[in-house]
C-alpha atoms as a PDB file:
ATOM      1  CA  MET A   1      65.555  99.184  94.674  1.00  0.00           C
ATOM      2  CA  SER A   2      68.476 100.152  92.442  1.00  0.00           C
ATOM      3  CA  LYS A   3      71.552 101.868  93.783  1.00  0.00           C
ATOM      4  CA  LYS A   4      73.751 104.396  91.994  1.00  0.00           C
ATOM      5  CA  CYS A   5      77.280 103.300  91.176  1.00  0.00           C
ATOM      6  CA  THR A   6      79.969 105.111  93.171  1.00  0.00           C
ATOM      7  CA  ALA A   7      82.232 105.075  90.095  1.00  0.00           C
ATOM      8  CA  CYS A   8      79.975 106.549  87.407  1.00  0.00           C
ATOM      9  CA  GLY A   9      76.785 107.621  89.169  1.00  0.00           C
ATOM     10  CA  LYS A  10      74.540 105.461  86.940  1.00  0.00           C
ATOM     11  CA  GLU A  11      71.782 103.125  88.118  1.00  0.00           C
ATOM     12  CA  ASN A  12      72.535  99.379  87.943  1.00  0.00           C
ATOM     13  CA  CYS A  13      76.038  99.900  86.553  1.00  0.00           C
ATOM     14  CA  LYS A  14      78.119  96.860  85.670  1.00  0.00           C
ATOM     15  CA  THR A  15      81.498  98.584  86.162  1.00  0.00           C
ATOM     16  CA  LYS A  16      84.336  96.179  86.896  1.00  0.00           C
ATOM     17  CA  GLY A  17      87.039  98.787  87.399  1.00  0.00           C
ATOM     18  CA  GLY A  18      88.653 101.650  85.557  1.00  0.00           C
ATOM     19  CA  TRP A  19      89.056 105.314  86.361  1.00  0.00           C
ATOM     20  CA  ASN A  20      87.365 108.695  86.100  1.00  0.00           C
ATOM     21  CA  TYR A  21      87.834 112.269  87.249  1.00  0.00           C
ATOM     22  CA  ARG A  22      86.374 112.978  90.691  1.00  0.00           C
ATOM     23  CA  VAL A  23      86.306 115.859  93.116  1.00  0.00           C
ATOM     24  CA  LEU A  24      88.139 114.755  96.259  1.00  0.00           C
ATOM     25  CA  GLY A  25      87.732 116.395  99.650  1.00  0.00           C
ATOM     26  CA  PHE A  26      90.925 116.102 101.717  1.00  0.00           C
ATOM     27  CA  LYS A  27      90.406 116.458 105.484  1.00  0.00           C
ATOM     28  CA  THR A  28      92.509 119.228 107.036  1.00  0.00           C
ATOM     29  CA  LYS A  29      92.639 120.748 110.517  1.00  0.00           C
ATOM     30  CA  GLU A  30      90.473 123.613 109.219  1.00  0.00           C
ATOM     31  CA  GLY A  31      87.916 121.497 107.318  1.00  0.00           C
ATOM     32  CA  TYR A  32      88.413 120.198 103.779  1.00  0.00           C
ATOM     33  CA  PHE A  33      90.520 121.074 100.720  1.00  0.00           C
ATOM     34  CA  TYR A  34      88.913 120.165  97.368  1.00  0.00           C
ATOM     35  CA  ALA A  35      90.554 119.277  94.040  1.00  0.00           C
ATOM     36  CA  VAL A  36      89.902 117.137  90.963  1.00  0.00           C
ATOM     37  CA  HIS A  37      91.976 113.946  90.666  1.00  0.00           C
ATOM     38  CA  GLU A  38      91.879 110.783  88.595  1.00  0.00           C
ATOM     39  CA  VAL A  39      90.340 108.061  90.762  1.00  0.00           C
ATOM     40  CA  TYR A  40      90.935 104.363  90.126  1.00  0.00           C
ATOM     41  CA  TYR A  41      88.417 101.671  91.031  1.00  0.00           C
ATOM     42  CA  LYS A  42      88.538  98.049  92.051  1.00  0.00           C
ATOM     43  CA  GLY A  43      85.066  96.943  91.043  1.00  0.00           C
ATOM     44  CA  LYS A  44      82.802  99.843  91.988  1.00  0.00           C
ATOM     45  CA  LYS A  45      84.849 101.025  94.978  1.00  0.00           C
ATOM     46  CA  PRO A  46      87.498 103.758  94.856  1.00  0.00           C
ATOM     47  CA  ASP A  47      90.899 102.126  95.267  1.00  0.00           C
ATOM     48  CA  GLY A  48      93.394 104.891  94.526  1.00  0.00           C
ATOM     49  CA  TYR A  49      93.918 108.349  93.072  1.00  0.00           C
ATOM     50  CA  THR A  50      96.591 110.443  91.417  1.00  0.00           C
ATOM     51  CA  LYS A  51      99.073 112.144  93.742  1.00  0.00           C
ATOM     52  CA  ASN A  52      98.538 115.546  92.132  1.00  0.00           C
ATOM     53  CA  GLU A  53      95.342 117.225  91.012  1.00  0.00           C
ATOM     54  CA  VAL A  54      94.638 117.130  87.282  1.00  0.00           C
ATOM     55  CA  SER A  55      93.251 119.401  84.584  1.00  0.00           C
ATOM     56  CA  PRO A  56      91.893 118.746  81.089  1.00  0.00           C
ATOM     57  CA  HIS A  57      94.554 118.254  78.418  1.00  0.00           C
ATOM     58  CA  GLY A  58      95.082 116.827  74.945  1.00  0.00           C
ATOM     59  CA  GLU A  59      97.445 116.735  71.996  1.00  0.00           C
ATOM     60  CA  THR A  60      94.770 118.327  69.789  1.00  0.00           C
ATOM     61  CA  LEU A  61      91.933 120.752  70.454  1.00  0.00           C
ATOM     62  CA  LYS A  62      89.475 117.912  69.853  1.00  0.00           C
ATOM     63  CA  GLU A  63      91.212 115.760  72.498  1.00  0.00           C
ATOM     64  CA  LEU A  64      91.250 118.716  74.903  1.00  0.00           C
ATOM     65  CA  TRP A  65      87.519 119.256  74.379  1.00  0.00           C
ATOM     66  CA  SER A  66      86.772 115.565  74.926  1.00  0.00           C
ATOM     67  CA  ASP A  67      88.861 115.488  78.103  1.00  0.00           C
ATOM     68  CA  LYS A  68      87.138 118.665  79.330  1.00  0.00           C
ATOM     69  CA  GLU A  69      83.783 116.886  79.062  1.00  0.00           C
ATOM     70  CA  LEU A  70      85.085 113.949  81.134  1.00  0.00           C
ATOM     71  CA  TYR A  71      86.487 116.452  83.651  1.00  0.00           C
ATOM     72  CA  GLU A  72      83.137 118.237  83.949  1.00  0.00           C
ATOM     73  CA  ASN A  73      81.472 114.929  84.857  1.00  0.00           C
ATOM     74  CA  ALA A  74      83.402 115.047  88.156  1.00  0.00           C
ATOM     75  CA  PHE A  75      81.142 117.913  89.250  1.00  0.00           C
ATOM     76  CA  MET A  76      78.011 115.825  88.650  1.00  0.00           C
ATOM     77  CA  LEU A  77      79.091 113.026  91.027  1.00  0.00           C
ATOM     78  CA  PRO A  78      79.269 113.016  94.833  1.00  0.00           C
ATOM     79  CA  VAL A  79      82.501 114.342  96.313  1.00  0.00           C
ATOM     80  CA  LEU A  80      84.744 111.552  97.621  1.00  0.00           C
ATOM     81  CA  LEU A  81      86.032 112.388 101.102  1.00  0.00           C
ATOM     82  CA  LEU A  82      89.428 111.352 102.460  1.00  0.00           C
ATOM     83  CA  ASP A  83      90.835 111.420 105.978  1.00  0.00           C
ATOM     84  CA  GLU A  84      94.072 113.176 106.931  1.00  0.00           C
ATOM     85  CA  GLU A  85      96.040 110.048 105.913  1.00  0.00           C
ATOM     86  CA  GLY A  86      94.468 110.021 102.430  1.00  0.00           C
ATOM     87  CA  ASN A  87      92.083 107.083 102.955  1.00  0.00           C
ATOM     88  CA  PHE A  88      88.598 107.143 101.427  1.00  0.00           C
ATOM     89  CA  THR A  89      85.947 107.688 104.132  1.00  0.00           C
ATOM     90  CA  GLY A  90      82.693 108.368 102.268  1.00  0.00           C
ATOM     91  CA  THR A  91      80.932 110.951 100.134  1.00  0.00           C
ATOM     92  CA  GLU A  92      79.113 114.280 100.413  1.00  0.00           C
ATOM     93  CA  HIS A  93      76.887 116.318  98.094  1.00  0.00           C
ATOM     94  CA  GLY A  94      74.931 113.154  97.276  1.00  0.00           C
ATOM     95  CA  ALA A  95      73.575 114.311  93.901  1.00  0.00           C
ATOM     96  CA  GLY A  96      76.738 116.048  92.769  1.00  0.00           C
ATOM     97  CA  PHE A  97      76.918 119.793  92.498  1.00  0.00           C
ATOM     98  CA  LEU A  98      76.969 120.814  88.858  1.00  0.00           C
ATOM     99  CA  ARG A  99      75.501 124.144  89.953  1.00  0.00           C
ATOM    100  CA  GLU A 100      77.549 126.430  92.190  1.00  0.00           C
ATOM    101  CA  PRO A 101      77.759 125.097  95.781  1.00  0.00           C
ATOM    102  CA  ASN A 102      76.375 127.196  98.662  1.00  0.00           C
ATOM    103  CA  LYS A 103      79.710 127.376 100.512  1.00  0.00           C
END
Protein backbone atom coordinates (compact mmCIF):
# COMPACT_ATOMS: atom_id res chain seq x y z
CA MET A 1 0.00 0.00 0.00
CA SER A 2 1.45 3.37 -1.00
CA LYS A 3 1.39 6.35 1.31
CA LYS A 4 1.09 10.01 0.35
CA CYS A 5 4.10 12.20 1.01
CA THR A 6 3.58 14.77 3.77
CA ALA A 7 5.70 17.27 1.81
CA CYS A 8 4.05 17.20 -1.63
CA GLY A 9 0.98 15.00 -1.29
CA LYS A 10 2.09 12.61 -4.07
CA GLU A 11 2.10 8.81 -3.90
CA ASN A 12 5.53 7.14 -3.54
CA CYS A 13 7.41 10.45 -3.51
CA LYS A 14 11.19 10.39 -3.34
CA THR A 15 11.53 13.83 -1.70
CA LYS A 16 14.77 14.28 0.22
CA GLY A 17 14.04 17.75 1.55
CA GLY A 18 13.17 21.20 0.30
CA TRP A 19 10.27 23.51 0.96
CA ASN A 20 6.74 24.38 -0.13
CA TYR A 21 3.85 26.59 0.88
CA ARG A 22 1.53 25.01 3.45
CA VAL A 23 -1.46 26.06 5.48
CA LEU A 24 -0.47 25.91 9.15
CA GLY A 25 -2.94 25.69 12.02
CA PHE A 26 -1.54 27.33 15.16
CA LYS A 27 -3.16 26.15 18.41
CA THR A 28 -4.64 28.99 20.48
CA LYS A 29 -6.75 29.07 23.64
CA GLU A 30 -9.83 29.55 21.44
CA GLY A 31 -9.01 26.86 18.84
CA TYR A 32 -6.73 27.40 15.85
CA PHE A 33 -5.42 30.33 13.78
CA TYR A 34 -4.64 29.48 10.13
CA ALA A 35 -2.11 31.06 7.75
CA VAL A 36 0.09 30.10 4.80
CA HIS A 37 3.82 29.78 5.52
CA GLU A 38 6.85 28.34 3.77
CA VAL A 39 7.56 24.95 5.34
CA TYR A 40 10.99 23.32 5.21
CA TYR A 41 11.49 19.56 5.25
CA LYS A 42 14.14 17.17 6.46
CA GLY A 43 13.41 14.17 4.27
CA LYS A 44 9.62 14.00 4.09
CA LYS A 45 8.96 15.44 7.56
CA PRO A 46 8.27 19.11 8.29
CA ASP A 47 11.30 20.55 10.08
CA GLY A 48 10.68 24.29 10.18
CA TYR A 49 8.63 27.18 8.82
CA THR A 50 8.90 30.89 8.19
CA LYS A 51 8.25 33.15 11.18
CA ASN A 52 5.72 35.26 9.28
CA GLU A 53 2.96 34.20 6.92
CA VAL A 54 3.70 34.62 3.22
CA SER A 55 1.90 35.69 0.06
CA PRO A 56 2.66 35.22 -3.64
CA HIS A 57 5.24 37.63 -5.05
CA GLY A 58 7.63 38.09 -7.96
CA GLU A 59 9.81 40.59 -9.77
CA THR A 60 7.71 40.16 -12.93
CA LEU A 61 4.07 39.34 -13.55
CA LYS A 62 5.14 35.94 -14.87
CA GLU A 63 7.05 35.21 -11.63
CA LEU A 64 4.06 36.39 -9.59
CA TRP A 65 1.75 34.08 -11.53
CA SER A 66 4.11 31.12 -11.09
CA ASP A 67 4.42 31.78 -7.35
CA LYS A 68 0.63 32.10 -7.08
CA GLU A 69 0.28 28.58 -8.50
CA LEU A 70 2.73 27.21 -5.91
CA TYR A 71 0.81 29.10 -3.21
CA GLU A 72 -2.50 27.61 -4.33
CA ASN A 73 -1.05 24.11 -3.92
CA ALA A 74 -1.01 24.73 -0.15
CA PHE A 75 -4.82 24.49 -0.19
CA MET A 76 -4.70 21.05 -1.81
CA LEU A 77 -2.56 19.51 0.97
CA PRO A 78 -3.52 18.61 4.54
CA VAL A 79 -3.23 21.43 7.06
CA LEU A 80 -0.16 21.06 9.30
CA LEU A 81 -1.10 21.59 12.95
CA LEU A 82 1.19 23.13 15.57
CA ASP A 83 0.92 23.27 19.35
CA GLU A 84 1.03 26.50 21.36
CA GLU A 85 4.86 26.34 21.37
CA GLY A 86 5.00 26.09 17.55
CA ASN A 87 5.87 22.38 17.31
CA PHE A 88 4.36 20.22 14.56
CA THR A 89 1.73 17.85 16.00
CA GLY A 90 -0.06 16.34 13.00
CA THR A 91 -2.46 17.17 10.19
CA GLU A 92 -6.17 17.76 9.55
CA HIS A 93 -8.34 17.97 6.43
CA GLY A 94 -6.67 14.80 5.12
CA ALA A 95 -7.38 15.40 1.42
CA GLY A 96 -6.72 19.12 1.48
CA PHE A 97 -9.51 21.61 1.07
CA LEU A 98 -9.27 23.25 -2.33
CA ARG A 99 -13.01 23.89 -2.09
CA GLU A 100 -14.33 26.20 0.62
CA PRO A 101 -14.16 24.58 4.09
CA ASN A 102 -17.38 24.05 6.08
CA LYS A 103 -16.23 26.15 9.06
